[in-house]
Amino acid sequence: MGDPVVDEIREGIEPTLAARETRVADLHVWRVGRGAYVCAVAAVTHSPTLSADEVRACFSMHEEIRHSTVEIQRCPDQAAG
């Protein structure tokens, strides 16, 4: 989807969570009505405590996102090995 909200979601997550080494691995956005969207985000992180609610907070200012699904994939600690 070429709507600006897609880039705004990604840009809300990655800079906000950069200190927690978090990136957006996959992002899908669907229009479900006039000015209404749902999204599915897969985030990859080194943070052992990052929650889906913290990821959602990064784009919560977008009232047009009516529903979101957030998947968190944790990377193993590189030092433990």
N, C-alpha and C. Protein backbone atom coordinates (compact mmCIF):
# COMPACT_ATOMS: atom_id res chain seq x y z
N MET A 1 0.85 -1.17 0.00
CA MET A 1 0.00 0.00 0.00
C MET A 1 0.89 1.23 0.00
N GLY A 2 0.59 2.18 -0.85
CA GLY A 2 1.41 3.36 -0.98
C GLY A 2 0.98 4.53 -0.10
N ASP A 3 0.09 4.31 0.83
CA ASP A 3 -0.38 5.38 1.69
C ASP A 3 0.73 5.84 2.64
N PRO A 4 0.83 7.14 2.91
CA PRO A 4 1.89 7.64 3.80
C PRO A 4 1.86 7.02 5.20
N VAL A 5 0.71 6.54 5.63
CA VAL A 5 0.63 5.97 6.98
C VAL A 5 1.57 4.77 7.12
N VAL A 6 1.85 4.05 6.05
CA VAL A 6 2.74 2.88 6.11
C VAL A 6 4.15 3.32 6.54
N ASP A 7 4.69 4.32 5.85
CA ASP A 7 6.02 4.82 6.22
C ASP A 7 6.01 5.46 7.60
N GLU A 8 4.93 6.12 7.95
CA GLU A 8 4.84 6.76 9.25
C GLU A 8 4.85 5.74 10.39
N ILE A 9 4.25 4.58 10.18
CA ILE A 9 4.29 3.53 11.20
C ILE A 9 5.72 3.04 11.37
N ARG A 10 6.37 2.72 10.27
CA ARG A 10 7.76 2.24 10.33
C ARG A 10 8.67 3.29 10.97
N GLU A 11 8.51 4.54 10.54
CA GLU A 11 9.34 5.62 11.07
C GLU A 11 9.03 5.92 12.54
N GLY A 12 7.86 5.54 12.99
CA GLY A 12 7.53 5.70 14.41
C GLY A 12 8.18 4.63 15.26
N ILE A 13 8.29 3.43 14.73
CA ILE A 13 8.83 2.31 15.50
C ILE A 13 10.36 2.33 15.55
N GLU A 14 11.00 2.34 14.39
CA GLU A 14 12.45 2.13 14.35
C GLU A 14 13.26 3.21 15.08
N PRO A 15 13.04 4.50 14.86
CA PRO A 15 13.83 5.48 15.61
C PRO A 15 13.53 5.47 17.10
N THR A 16 12.26 5.26 17.45
CA THR A 16 11.87 5.26 18.86
C THR A 16 12.51 4.09 19.61
N LEU A 17 12.60 2.94 18.96
CA LEU A 17 13.12 1.74 19.63
C LEU A 17 14.54 1.39 19.21
N ALA A 18 15.24 2.33 18.58
CA ALA A 18 16.61 2.07 18.11
C ALA A 18 17.54 1.68 19.26
N ALA A 19 17.38 2.31 20.40
CA ALA A 19 18.24 1.99 21.55
C ALA A 19 18.01 0.56 22.04
N ARG A 20 16.86 0.00 21.70
CA ARG A 20 16.55 -1.38 22.10
C ARG A 20 16.84 -2.34 20.95
N GLU A 21 17.55 -1.84 19.93
CA GLU A 21 17.95 -2.65 18.77
C GLU A 21 16.76 -3.37 18.16
N THR A 22 15.76 -2.58 17.79
CA THR A 22 14.52 -3.12 17.24
C THR A 22 14.31 -2.60 15.83
N ARG A 23 13.96 -3.48 14.93
CA ARG A 23 13.68 -3.13 13.53
C ARG A 23 12.36 -3.75 13.11
N VAL A 24 11.74 -3.15 12.13
CA VAL A 24 10.52 -3.70 11.55
C VAL A 24 10.93 -4.72 10.49
N ALA A 25 10.57 -5.97 10.70
CA ALA A 25 10.90 -7.03 9.74
C ALA A 25 9.82 -7.16 8.67
N ASP A 26 8.58 -6.91 9.06
CA ASP A 26 7.47 -7.06 8.13
C ASP A 26 6.36 -6.12 8.57
N LEU A 27 5.72 -5.48 7.62
CA LEU A 27 4.64 -4.55 7.92
C LEU A 27 3.60 -4.63 6.81
N HIS A 28 2.37 -4.88 7.22
CA HIS A 28 1.25 -4.92 6.27
C HIS A 28 0.17 -3.98 6.79
N VAL A 29 -0.38 -3.19 5.90
CA VAL A 29 -1.45 -2.25 6.26
C VAL A 29 -2.58 -2.42 5.26
N TRP A 30 -3.79 -2.52 5.79
CA TRP A 30 -4.98 -2.65 4.95
C TRP A 30 -5.95 -1.52 5.26
N ARG A 31 -6.55 -0.99 4.22
CA ARG A 31 -7.61 0.00 4.40
C ARG A 31 -8.90 -0.79 4.66
N VAL A 32 -9.60 -0.44 5.73
CA VAL A 32 -10.83 -1.13 6.08
C VAL A 32 -12.04 -0.20 6.04
N GLY A 33 -11.81 1.02 5.66
CA GLY A 33 -12.89 1.99 5.55
C GLY A 33 -12.31 3.33 5.18
N ARG A 34 -13.15 4.31 5.08
CA ARG A 34 -12.68 5.65 4.73
C ARG A 34 -11.82 6.19 5.88
N GLY A 35 -10.55 6.32 5.62
CA GLY A 35 -9.63 6.83 6.64
C GLY A 35 -9.40 5.87 7.80
N ALA A 36 -9.65 4.59 7.60
CA ALA A 36 -9.48 3.59 8.66
C ALA A 36 -8.59 2.46 8.15
N TYR A 37 -7.65 2.03 8.98
CA TYR A 37 -6.68 1.00 8.59
C TYR A 37 -6.49 0.00 9.72
N VAL A 38 -6.02 -1.17 9.35
CA VAL A 38 -5.50 -2.14 10.30
C VAL A 38 -4.08 -2.47 9.86
N CYS A 39 -3.26 -2.90 10.80
CA CYS A 39 -1.90 -3.25 10.42
C CYS A 39 -1.41 -4.47 11.19
N ALA A 40 -0.46 -5.15 10.57
CA ALA A 40 0.23 -6.27 11.19
C ALA A 40 1.72 -5.95 11.11
N VAL A 41 2.38 -5.95 12.26
CA VAL A 41 3.79 -5.59 12.36
C VAL A 41 4.55 -6.77 12.96
N ALA A 42 5.66 -7.13 12.32
CA ALA A 42 6.59 -8.09 12.90
C ALA A 42 7.86 -7.31 13.22
N ALA A 43 8.24 -7.28 14.48
CA ALA A 43 9.42 -6.56 14.93
C ALA A 43 10.47 -7.56 15.38
N VAL A 44 11.72 -7.29 15.02
CA VAL A 44 12.85 -8.11 15.45
C VAL A 44 13.65 -7.28 16.44
N THR A 45 13.97 -7.87 17.59
CA THR A 45 14.62 -7.10 18.64
C THR A 45 15.65 -7.92 19.41
N HIS A 46 16.59 -7.20 19.99
CA HIS A 46 17.53 -7.81 20.94
C HIS A 46 17.05 -7.61 22.37
N SER A 47 16.00 -6.82 22.54
CA SER A 47 15.48 -6.54 23.87
C SER A 47 14.74 -7.75 24.42
N PRO A 48 15.11 -8.20 25.61
CA PRO A 48 14.40 -9.34 26.20
C PRO A 48 13.05 -8.96 26.80
N THR A 49 12.77 -7.66 26.90
CA THR A 49 11.55 -7.23 27.59
C THR A 49 10.58 -6.43 26.73
N LEU A 50 10.91 -6.18 25.47
CA LEU A 50 10.03 -5.38 24.62
C LEU A 50 8.66 -6.05 24.52
N SER A 51 7.61 -5.23 24.67
CA SER A 51 6.25 -5.77 24.60
C SER A 51 5.53 -5.23 23.36
N ALA A 52 4.47 -5.92 22.99
CA ALA A 52 3.65 -5.47 21.87
C ALA A 52 3.04 -4.10 22.15
N ASP A 53 2.68 -3.85 23.39
CA ASP A 53 2.12 -2.54 23.74
C ASP A 53 3.13 -1.42 23.54
N GLU A 54 4.40 -1.68 23.80
CA GLU A 54 5.43 -0.67 23.58
C GLU A 54 5.59 -0.38 22.08
N VAL A 55 5.48 -1.41 21.27
CA VAL A 55 5.56 -1.20 19.81
C VAL A 55 4.34 -0.41 19.36
N ARG A 56 3.16 -0.77 19.84
CA ARG A 56 1.93 -0.05 19.46
C ARG A 56 2.00 1.42 19.87
N ALA A 57 2.61 1.71 21.00
CA ALA A 57 2.72 3.09 21.47
C ALA A 57 3.49 3.96 20.49
N CYS A 58 4.37 3.36 19.71
CA CYS A 58 5.18 4.10 18.74
C CYS A 58 4.35 4.66 17.60
N PHE A 59 3.19 4.10 17.35
CA PHE A 59 2.33 4.63 16.29
C PHE A 59 0.92 4.93 16.80
N SER A 60 0.78 5.07 18.09
CA SER A 60 -0.54 5.31 18.69
C SER A 60 -1.14 6.67 18.33
N MET A 61 -0.31 7.61 17.88
CA MET A 61 -0.82 8.92 17.50
C MET A 61 -1.64 8.84 16.21
N HIS A 62 -1.55 7.74 15.51
CA HIS A 62 -2.30 7.55 14.26
C HIS A 62 -3.68 6.97 14.58
N GLU A 63 -4.62 7.85 14.78
CA GLU A 63 -5.97 7.42 15.13
C GLU A 63 -6.64 6.62 14.03
N GLU A 64 -6.11 6.74 12.81
CA GLU A 64 -6.70 5.99 11.70
C GLU A 64 -6.39 4.50 11.77
N ILE A 65 -5.43 4.10 12.60
CA ILE A 65 -5.14 2.67 12.82
C ILE A 65 -6.16 2.17 13.84
N ARG A 66 -7.12 1.41 13.37
CA ARG A 66 -8.22 0.94 14.22
C ARG A 66 -7.88 -0.35 14.97
N HIS A 67 -6.96 -1.12 14.40
CA HIS A 67 -6.57 -2.39 15.02
C HIS A 67 -5.15 -2.71 14.56
N SER A 68 -4.38 -3.31 15.46
CA SER A 68 -3.03 -3.73 15.07
C SER A 68 -2.70 -5.07 15.72
N THR A 69 -1.94 -5.84 14.98
CA THR A 69 -1.40 -7.09 15.48
C THR A 69 0.12 -6.93 15.47
N VAL A 70 0.75 -7.21 16.60
CA VAL A 70 2.19 -7.05 16.71
C VAL A 70 2.82 -8.38 17.10
N GLU A 71 3.77 -8.81 16.30
CA GLU A 71 4.55 -10.03 16.57
C GLU A 71 5.97 -9.58 16.90
N ILE A 72 6.52 -10.11 17.97
CA ILE A 72 7.89 -9.78 18.37
C ILE A 72 8.76 -11.02 18.24
N GLN A 73 9.80 -10.89 17.45
CA GLN A 73 10.78 -11.97 17.30
C GLN A 73 12.06 -11.53 18.01
N ARG A 74 12.48 -12.31 18.97
CA ARG A 74 13.67 -11.96 19.75
C ARG A 74 14.91 -12.63 19.17
N CYS A 75 15.94 -11.84 18.99
CA CYS A 75 17.23 -12.36 18.53
C CYS A 75 17.98 -12.89 19.73
N PRO A 76 18.67 -13.99 19.56
CA PRO A 76 19.46 -14.49 20.69
C PRO A 76 20.60 -13.53 21.00
N ASP A 77 20.96 -13.48 22.27
CA ASP A 77 22.07 -12.65 22.71
C ASP A 77 23.35 -13.16 22.06
N GLN A 78 24.05 -12.30 21.36
CA GLN A 78 25.26 -12.71 20.65
C GLN A 78 26.37 -13.12 21.61
N ALA A 79 26.35 -12.60 22.83
CA ALA A 79 27.40 -12.93 23.79
C ALA A 79 27.21 -14.33 24.36
N ALA A 80 25.99 -14.80 24.35
CA ALA A 80 25.72 -16.13 24.90
C ALA A 80 25.94 -17.17 23.81
N GLY A 81 26.94 -17.77 23.74
CA GLY A 81 27.05 -18.70 22.65
C GLY A 81 28.21 -19.52 22.73
